[in-house]
N, C-alpha and C. Protein backbone atom coordinates (compact mmCIF):
# COMPACT_ATOMS: atom_id res chain seq x y z
N UNK A 1 0.82 -1.20 0.00
CA UNK A 1 0.00 0.00 0.00
C UNK A 1 0.86 1.26 0.00
N UNK A 2 2.10 1.16 0.46
CA UNK A 2 2.96 2.34 0.53
C UNK A 2 3.38 2.81 -0.86
N UNK A 3 3.75 4.07 -0.93
CA UNK A 3 4.30 4.67 -2.14
C UNK A 3 5.80 4.84 -1.94
N UNK A 4 6.59 4.35 -2.90
CA UNK A 4 8.05 4.46 -2.77
C UNK A 4 8.52 5.81 -3.26
N UNK A 5 9.40 6.39 -2.48
CA UNK A 5 10.01 7.68 -2.80
C UNK A 5 11.51 7.48 -2.95
N UNK A 6 12.08 8.17 -3.93
CA UNK A 6 13.52 8.20 -4.10
C UNK A 6 14.01 9.57 -3.66
N UNK A 7 14.96 9.61 -2.75
CA UNK A 7 15.61 10.86 -2.35
C UNK A 7 16.98 10.87 -3.01
N UNK A 8 17.21 11.85 -3.86
CA UNK A 8 18.44 11.91 -4.64
C UNK A 8 19.22 13.14 -4.21
N UNK A 9 20.49 12.97 -3.88
CA UNK A 9 21.35 14.07 -3.49
C UNK A 9 21.98 14.64 -4.76
N UNK A 10 21.75 15.94 -4.98
CA UNK A 10 22.17 16.60 -6.22
C UNK A 10 22.97 17.85 -5.88
N UNK A 11 24.08 18.03 -6.60
CA UNK A 11 24.88 19.23 -6.40
C UNK A 11 24.04 20.45 -6.72
N UNK A 12 24.14 21.47 -5.87
CA UNK A 12 23.33 22.68 -6.01
C UNK A 12 24.02 23.64 -6.98
N UNK A 13 23.90 23.33 -8.29
CA UNK A 13 24.45 24.21 -9.31
C UNK A 13 23.62 24.07 -10.58
N UNK A 14 23.69 25.07 -11.41
CA UNK A 14 22.89 25.13 -12.64
C UNK A 14 23.10 23.88 -13.49
N UNK A 15 22.00 23.30 -13.96
CA UNK A 15 22.05 22.18 -14.88
C UNK A 15 21.94 20.81 -14.26
N UNK A 16 22.17 20.68 -12.95
CA UNK A 16 22.14 19.35 -12.34
C UNK A 16 20.73 18.76 -12.33
N UNK A 17 19.71 19.57 -12.06
CA UNK A 17 18.34 19.06 -12.11
C UNK A 17 17.97 18.67 -13.54
N UNK A 18 18.47 19.44 -14.51
CA UNK A 18 18.20 19.13 -15.92
C UNK A 18 18.80 17.77 -16.28
N UNK A 19 20.01 17.49 -15.81
CA UNK A 19 20.64 16.19 -16.08
C UNK A 19 19.80 15.06 -15.48
N UNK A 20 19.41 15.23 -14.24
CA UNK A 20 18.61 14.21 -13.54
C UNK A 20 17.31 13.92 -14.28
N UNK A 21 16.56 14.95 -14.61
CA UNK A 21 15.27 14.75 -15.27
C UNK A 21 15.44 14.23 -16.69
N UNK A 22 16.51 14.63 -17.38
CA UNK A 22 16.76 14.13 -18.73
C UNK A 22 17.04 12.63 -18.70
N UNK A 23 17.85 12.18 -17.74
CA UNK A 23 18.14 10.76 -17.60
C UNK A 23 16.85 9.95 -17.42
N UNK A 24 16.00 10.43 -16.54
CA UNK A 24 14.74 9.73 -16.29
C UNK A 24 13.85 9.73 -17.54
N UNK A 25 13.74 10.88 -18.18
CA UNK A 25 12.91 10.98 -19.38
C UNK A 25 13.38 10.08 -20.50
N UNK A 26 14.69 10.06 -20.73
CA UNK A 26 15.25 9.22 -21.78
C UNK A 26 15.03 7.74 -21.51
N UNK A 27 14.90 7.38 -20.24
CA UNK A 27 14.67 5.98 -19.86
C UNK A 27 13.18 5.64 -19.83
N UNK A 28 12.33 6.60 -20.18
CA UNK A 28 10.89 6.35 -20.18
C UNK A 28 10.28 6.29 -18.79
N UNK A 29 10.93 6.96 -17.85
CA UNK A 29 10.44 7.00 -16.46
C UNK A 29 9.72 8.32 -16.24
N UNK A 30 8.47 8.24 -15.81
CA UNK A 30 7.64 9.43 -15.64
C UNK A 30 7.65 9.89 -14.18
N UNK A 31 7.94 11.15 -13.98
CA UNK A 31 7.92 11.75 -12.64
C UNK A 31 6.47 12.08 -12.30
N UNK A 32 5.96 11.50 -11.23
CA UNK A 32 4.58 11.72 -10.81
C UNK A 32 4.48 12.79 -9.72
N UNK A 33 5.58 13.06 -9.04
CA UNK A 33 5.61 14.08 -8.02
C UNK A 33 7.04 14.30 -7.58
N UNK A 34 7.32 15.49 -7.06
CA UNK A 34 8.67 15.76 -6.59
C UNK A 34 8.69 16.93 -5.63
N UNK A 35 9.78 17.01 -4.91
CA UNK A 35 10.06 18.12 -4.01
C UNK A 35 11.56 18.36 -4.07
N UNK A 36 11.97 19.62 -4.05
CA UNK A 36 13.39 19.95 -4.05
C UNK A 36 13.67 20.80 -2.82
N UNK A 37 14.59 20.32 -1.98
CA UNK A 37 15.01 21.07 -0.80
C UNK A 37 16.46 21.47 -1.02
N UNK A 38 16.72 22.76 -0.93
CA UNK A 38 18.08 23.22 -1.20
C UNK A 38 18.88 23.38 0.08
N UNK A 39 20.17 23.15 -0.05
CA UNK A 39 21.14 23.40 1.00
C UNK A 39 22.26 24.18 0.31
N UNK A 40 23.30 24.50 1.01
CA UNK A 40 24.32 25.35 0.41
C UNK A 40 25.01 24.69 -0.79
N UNK A 41 25.52 23.49 -0.64
CA UNK A 41 26.26 22.85 -1.72
C UNK A 41 25.48 21.76 -2.44
N UNK A 42 24.56 21.11 -1.72
CA UNK A 42 23.77 20.01 -2.29
C UNK A 42 22.31 20.21 -1.95
N UNK A 43 21.46 19.63 -2.77
CA UNK A 43 20.04 19.63 -2.50
C UNK A 43 19.54 18.21 -2.46
N UNK A 44 18.34 18.05 -1.95
CA UNK A 44 17.69 16.74 -1.95
C UNK A 44 16.48 16.83 -2.86
N UNK A 45 16.46 15.98 -3.87
CA UNK A 45 15.32 15.89 -4.77
C UNK A 45 14.55 14.64 -4.37
N UNK A 46 13.34 14.84 -3.89
CA UNK A 46 12.49 13.71 -3.53
C UNK A 46 11.59 13.43 -4.73
N UNK A 47 11.57 12.19 -5.18
CA UNK A 47 10.84 11.83 -6.40
C UNK A 47 9.86 10.69 -6.16
N UNK A 48 8.70 10.83 -6.75
CA UNK A 48 7.75 9.74 -6.91
C UNK A 48 7.72 9.49 -8.41
N UNK A 49 8.10 8.30 -8.84
CA UNK A 49 8.15 7.97 -10.26
C UNK A 49 7.33 6.71 -10.51
N UNK A 50 7.00 6.49 -11.79
CA UNK A 50 6.18 5.33 -12.13
C UNK A 50 6.96 4.02 -12.13
N UNK A 51 8.27 4.09 -12.17
CA UNK A 51 9.11 2.88 -12.17
C UNK A 51 10.26 3.07 -11.16
N UNK A 52 9.95 2.97 -9.86
CA UNK A 52 10.98 3.28 -8.86
C UNK A 52 12.21 2.38 -8.90
N UNK A 53 12.03 1.09 -9.17
CA UNK A 53 13.20 0.19 -9.23
C UNK A 53 14.14 0.60 -10.35
N UNK A 54 13.58 0.83 -11.54
CA UNK A 54 14.39 1.23 -12.69
C UNK A 54 15.06 2.57 -12.45
N UNK A 55 14.32 3.51 -11.89
CA UNK A 55 14.87 4.85 -11.64
C UNK A 55 16.02 4.79 -10.65
N UNK A 56 15.85 4.06 -9.56
CA UNK A 56 16.91 3.96 -8.54
C UNK A 56 18.17 3.34 -9.14
N UNK A 57 18.00 2.27 -9.92
CA UNK A 57 19.16 1.61 -10.53
C UNK A 57 19.86 2.54 -11.52
N UNK A 58 19.08 3.21 -12.35
CA UNK A 58 19.64 4.13 -13.34
C UNK A 58 20.45 5.23 -12.67
N UNK A 59 19.86 5.86 -11.67
CA UNK A 59 20.54 6.98 -11.01
C UNK A 59 21.79 6.53 -10.26
N UNK A 60 21.71 5.36 -9.63
CA UNK A 60 22.91 4.84 -8.95
C UNK A 60 24.01 4.52 -9.96
N UNK A 61 23.60 3.98 -11.12
CA UNK A 61 24.59 3.69 -12.18
C UNK A 61 25.27 4.96 -12.67
N UNK A 62 24.59 6.10 -12.55
CA UNK A 62 25.14 7.39 -12.97
C UNK A 62 25.76 8.15 -11.81
N UNK A 63 26.07 7.45 -10.74
CA UNK A 63 26.79 7.98 -9.57
C UNK A 63 25.98 8.95 -8.71
N UNK A 64 24.67 8.91 -8.80
CA UNK A 64 23.85 9.69 -7.88
C UNK A 64 23.69 8.88 -6.59
N UNK A 65 23.62 9.57 -5.48
CA UNK A 65 23.34 8.93 -4.20
C UNK A 65 21.81 8.92 -4.06
N UNK A 66 21.25 7.72 -3.89
CA UNK A 66 19.80 7.55 -3.85
C UNK A 66 19.41 6.81 -2.57
N UNK A 67 18.44 7.36 -1.86
CA UNK A 67 17.87 6.69 -0.70
C UNK A 67 16.40 6.41 -0.99
N UNK A 68 15.92 5.24 -0.61
CA UNK A 68 14.53 4.88 -0.86
C UNK A 68 13.75 4.86 0.45
N UNK A 69 12.51 5.35 0.40
CA UNK A 69 11.64 5.39 1.57
C UNK A 69 10.23 4.98 1.16
N UNK A 70 9.48 4.49 2.12
CA UNK A 70 8.07 4.20 1.91
C UNK A 70 7.24 5.31 2.53
N UNK A 71 6.35 5.89 1.74
CA UNK A 71 5.49 6.98 2.19
C UNK A 71 4.03 6.55 2.14
N UNK A 72 3.19 7.35 2.71
CA UNK A 72 1.75 7.17 2.62
C UNK A 72 1.22 8.28 1.72
N UNK A 73 0.42 7.90 0.73
CA UNK A 73 -0.19 8.88 -0.17
C UNK A 73 -1.69 8.87 0.07
N UNK A 74 -2.27 10.04 0.25
CA UNK A 74 -3.72 10.14 0.53
C UNK A 74 -4.37 11.16 -0.39
N UNK A 75 -5.66 11.07 -0.51
CA UNK A 75 -6.45 12.12 -1.16
C UNK A 75 -6.96 13.05 -0.06
N UNK A 76 -6.68 14.32 -0.23
CA UNK A 76 -7.12 15.32 0.74
C UNK A 76 -8.40 15.96 0.20
N UNK A 77 -9.42 16.10 1.02
CA UNK A 77 -10.64 16.78 0.55
C UNK A 77 -10.31 18.19 0.04
N UNK A 78 -10.78 18.50 -1.16
CA UNK A 78 -10.51 19.80 -1.77
C UNK A 78 -11.53 20.81 -1.26
N UNK A 79 -11.33 21.21 -0.01
CA UNK A 79 -12.22 22.16 0.64
C UNK A 79 -11.45 22.83 1.77
N UNK A 80 -11.89 24.00 2.20
CA UNK A 80 -11.21 24.64 3.33
C UNK A 80 -11.20 23.72 4.55
N UNK A 81 -10.03 23.55 5.14
CA UNK A 81 -9.89 22.70 6.32
C UNK A 81 -9.64 21.24 6.01
N UNK A 82 -9.62 20.87 4.72
CA UNK A 82 -9.43 19.46 4.35
C UNK A 82 -8.12 18.91 4.85
N UNK A 83 -7.02 19.61 4.60
CA UNK A 83 -5.71 19.18 5.07
C UNK A 83 -5.63 19.26 6.59
N UNK A 84 -6.18 20.31 7.15
CA UNK A 84 -6.14 20.50 8.60
C UNK A 84 -6.80 19.35 9.34
N UNK A 85 -7.92 18.86 8.84
CA UNK A 85 -8.62 17.76 9.53
C UNK A 85 -7.76 16.50 9.56
N UNK A 86 -7.04 16.24 8.50
CA UNK A 86 -6.17 15.06 8.46
C UNK A 86 -4.97 15.23 9.38
N UNK A 87 -4.36 16.42 9.35
CA UNK A 87 -3.22 16.67 10.24
C UNK A 87 -3.63 16.63 11.71
N UNK A 88 -4.82 17.12 12.01
CA UNK A 88 -5.31 17.07 13.39
C UNK A 88 -5.53 15.63 13.84
N UNK A 89 -6.02 14.77 12.95
CA UNK A 89 -6.23 13.37 13.27
C UNK A 89 -4.89 12.70 13.61
N UNK A 90 -3.87 12.96 12.80
CA UNK A 90 -2.56 12.39 13.06
C UNK A 90 -1.98 12.92 14.37
N UNK A 91 -2.10 14.22 14.56
CA UNK A 91 -1.57 14.86 15.77
C UNK A 91 -2.24 14.30 17.03
N UNK A 92 -3.54 14.08 16.96
CA UNK A 92 -4.27 13.55 18.11
C UNK A 92 -3.78 12.16 18.50
N UNK A 93 -3.20 11.45 17.55
CA UNK A 93 -2.63 10.11 17.83
C UNK A 93 -1.13 10.18 18.03
N UNK A 94 -0.62 11.40 18.21
CA UNK A 94 0.81 11.63 18.46
C UNK A 94 1.70 11.12 17.32
N UNK A 95 1.21 11.27 16.10
CA UNK A 95 1.97 10.90 14.91
C UNK A 95 2.52 12.18 14.30
N UNK A 96 3.85 12.27 14.22
CA UNK A 96 4.51 13.45 13.69
C UNK A 96 4.65 13.35 12.17
N UNK A 97 4.37 14.44 11.47
CA UNK A 97 4.59 14.52 10.03
C UNK A 97 5.96 15.14 9.81
N UNK A 98 6.88 14.38 9.23
CA UNK A 98 8.24 14.89 9.01
C UNK A 98 8.30 15.82 7.81
N UNK A 99 7.60 15.50 6.74
CA UNK A 99 7.48 16.37 5.57
C UNK A 99 6.35 15.85 4.72
N UNK A 100 5.89 16.68 3.81
CA UNK A 100 4.83 16.29 2.87
C UNK A 100 4.91 17.18 1.65
N UNK A 101 4.35 16.71 0.56
CA UNK A 101 4.25 17.51 -0.65
C UNK A 101 3.15 16.95 -1.53
N UNK A 102 2.65 17.78 -2.40
CA UNK A 102 1.57 17.38 -3.30
C UNK A 102 2.18 16.74 -4.55
N UNK A 103 1.46 15.79 -5.14
CA UNK A 103 1.95 15.12 -6.33
C UNK A 103 0.85 15.02 -7.39
N UNK A 104 1.23 14.55 -8.57
CA UNK A 104 0.38 14.21 -9.71
C UNK A 104 -0.43 15.40 -10.22
N UNK A 105 0.27 16.34 -10.72
CA UNK A 105 -0.32 17.43 -11.49
C UNK A 105 0.82 18.03 -12.29
N UNK A 106 0.47 18.84 -13.25
CA UNK A 106 1.51 19.43 -14.07
C UNK A 106 1.70 20.91 -13.78
N UNK A 107 1.14 21.39 -12.71
CA UNK A 107 1.41 22.76 -12.27
C UNK A 107 2.60 22.71 -11.32
N UNK A 108 3.65 23.43 -11.66
CA UNK A 108 4.87 23.43 -10.85
C UNK A 108 5.21 24.87 -10.48
N UNK A 109 5.57 25.09 -9.24
CA UNK A 109 5.97 26.41 -8.75
C UNK A 109 7.49 26.41 -8.60
N UNK A 110 8.16 27.40 -9.18
CA UNK A 110 9.61 27.52 -9.13
C UNK A 110 10.01 28.73 -8.29
N UNK A 111 11.07 28.61 -7.52
CA UNK A 111 11.73 29.76 -6.91
C UNK A 111 13.08 29.86 -7.61
N UNK A 112 13.27 30.92 -8.38
CA UNK A 112 14.50 31.10 -9.16
C UNK A 112 15.20 32.39 -8.76
N UNK A 113 16.47 32.52 -9.17
CA UNK A 113 17.25 33.70 -8.82
C UNK A 113 16.66 34.99 -9.38
N UNK A 114 16.20 34.96 -10.62
CA UNK A 114 15.65 36.15 -11.25
C UNK A 114 14.29 35.82 -11.85
N UNK A 115 13.21 35.99 -11.06
CA UNK A 115 11.89 35.58 -11.52
C UNK A 115 11.41 36.31 -12.79
N UNK A 116 11.70 37.59 -12.90
CA UNK A 116 11.25 38.33 -14.08
C UNK A 116 11.93 37.81 -15.35
N UNK A 117 13.22 37.58 -15.28
CA UNK A 117 13.96 37.06 -16.43
C UNK A 117 13.47 35.65 -16.79
N UNK A 118 13.29 34.81 -15.78
CA UNK A 118 12.83 33.43 -16.02
C UNK A 118 11.43 33.43 -16.62
N UNK A 119 10.55 34.27 -16.11
CA UNK A 119 9.18 34.33 -16.64
C UNK A 119 9.19 34.78 -18.10
N UNK A 120 9.98 35.79 -18.42
CA UNK A 120 10.08 36.26 -19.81
C UNK A 120 10.60 35.15 -20.72
N UNK A 121 11.63 34.47 -20.29
CA UNK A 121 12.20 33.38 -21.08
C UNK A 121 11.16 32.28 -21.34
N UNK A 122 10.45 31.89 -20.28
CA UNK A 122 9.45 30.84 -20.42
C UNK A 122 8.32 31.26 -21.36
N UNK A 123 7.84 32.49 -21.20
CA UNK A 123 6.76 32.99 -22.06
C UNK A 123 7.22 33.04 -23.53
N UNK A 124 8.44 33.54 -23.76
CA UNK A 124 8.98 33.61 -25.12
C UNK A 124 9.14 32.23 -25.74
N UNK A 125 9.32 31.23 -24.90
CA UNK A 125 9.51 29.86 -25.38
C UNK A 125 8.19 29.10 -25.55
N UNK A 126 7.08 29.79 -25.26
CA UNK A 126 5.77 29.16 -25.43
C UNK A 126 5.29 28.36 -24.24
N UNK A 127 5.98 28.48 -23.10
CA UNK A 127 5.55 27.77 -21.90
C UNK A 127 4.39 28.54 -21.28
N UNK A 128 3.34 27.85 -20.88
CA UNK A 128 2.18 28.48 -20.26
C UNK A 128 2.53 28.82 -18.81
N UNK A 129 2.59 30.11 -18.51
CA UNK A 129 2.84 30.57 -17.15
C UNK A 129 1.48 30.88 -16.53
N UNK A 130 1.23 30.32 -15.37
CA UNK A 130 -0.06 30.45 -14.70
C UNK A 130 0.05 31.57 -13.67
N UNK A 131 -0.88 32.51 -13.72
CA UNK A 131 -0.84 33.65 -12.81
C UNK A 131 -1.29 33.24 -11.41
N UNK A 132 -0.92 34.05 -10.43
CA UNK A 132 -1.37 33.83 -9.06
C UNK A 132 -2.87 33.71 -8.96
N UNK A 133 -3.65 34.67 -9.53
CA UNK A 133 -5.10 34.55 -9.44
C UNK A 133 -5.65 33.26 -10.06
N UNK A 134 -5.02 32.78 -11.15
CA UNK A 134 -5.45 31.51 -11.74
C UNK A 134 -5.22 30.35 -10.76
N UNK A 135 -4.05 30.36 -10.11
CA UNK A 135 -3.74 29.31 -9.14
C UNK A 135 -4.72 29.37 -7.98
N UNK A 136 -4.98 30.56 -7.48
CA UNK A 136 -5.84 30.72 -6.31
C UNK A 136 -7.25 30.24 -6.58
N UNK A 137 -7.69 30.30 -7.84
CA UNK A 137 -9.06 29.93 -8.16
C UNK A 137 -9.24 28.44 -8.47
N UNK A 138 -8.15 27.68 -8.49
CA UNK A 138 -8.26 26.24 -8.81
C UNK A 138 -9.03 25.50 -7.74
């Protein structure tokens, strides 16, 4: 019943995430969800993929450090307080949530060094940039 997650340690420099995602894409491995946590020199990319065994082997073969974990994936009611009710249930049973992230959608939020430059580049390249009000109304 658990969902397998791959935690990949990636050097915190331009192009490393592109290399990681290109390797997976070329191998026909689809990313279903992810989270990126940055640190000064390295970051942790947490991945949910459709072929975790293949992805872990591929990345290890390419000298990435990969850790595997079992997570719980749930559907949260899409209403005000939906997430809160679930977190309160866990808290009432003294179950600590170490981290969480949303998966399985194609809307991605980026924090980049120069947001205006990145937005212009993406728009010029034909990438659909979703405005804050559009996101808020989903």
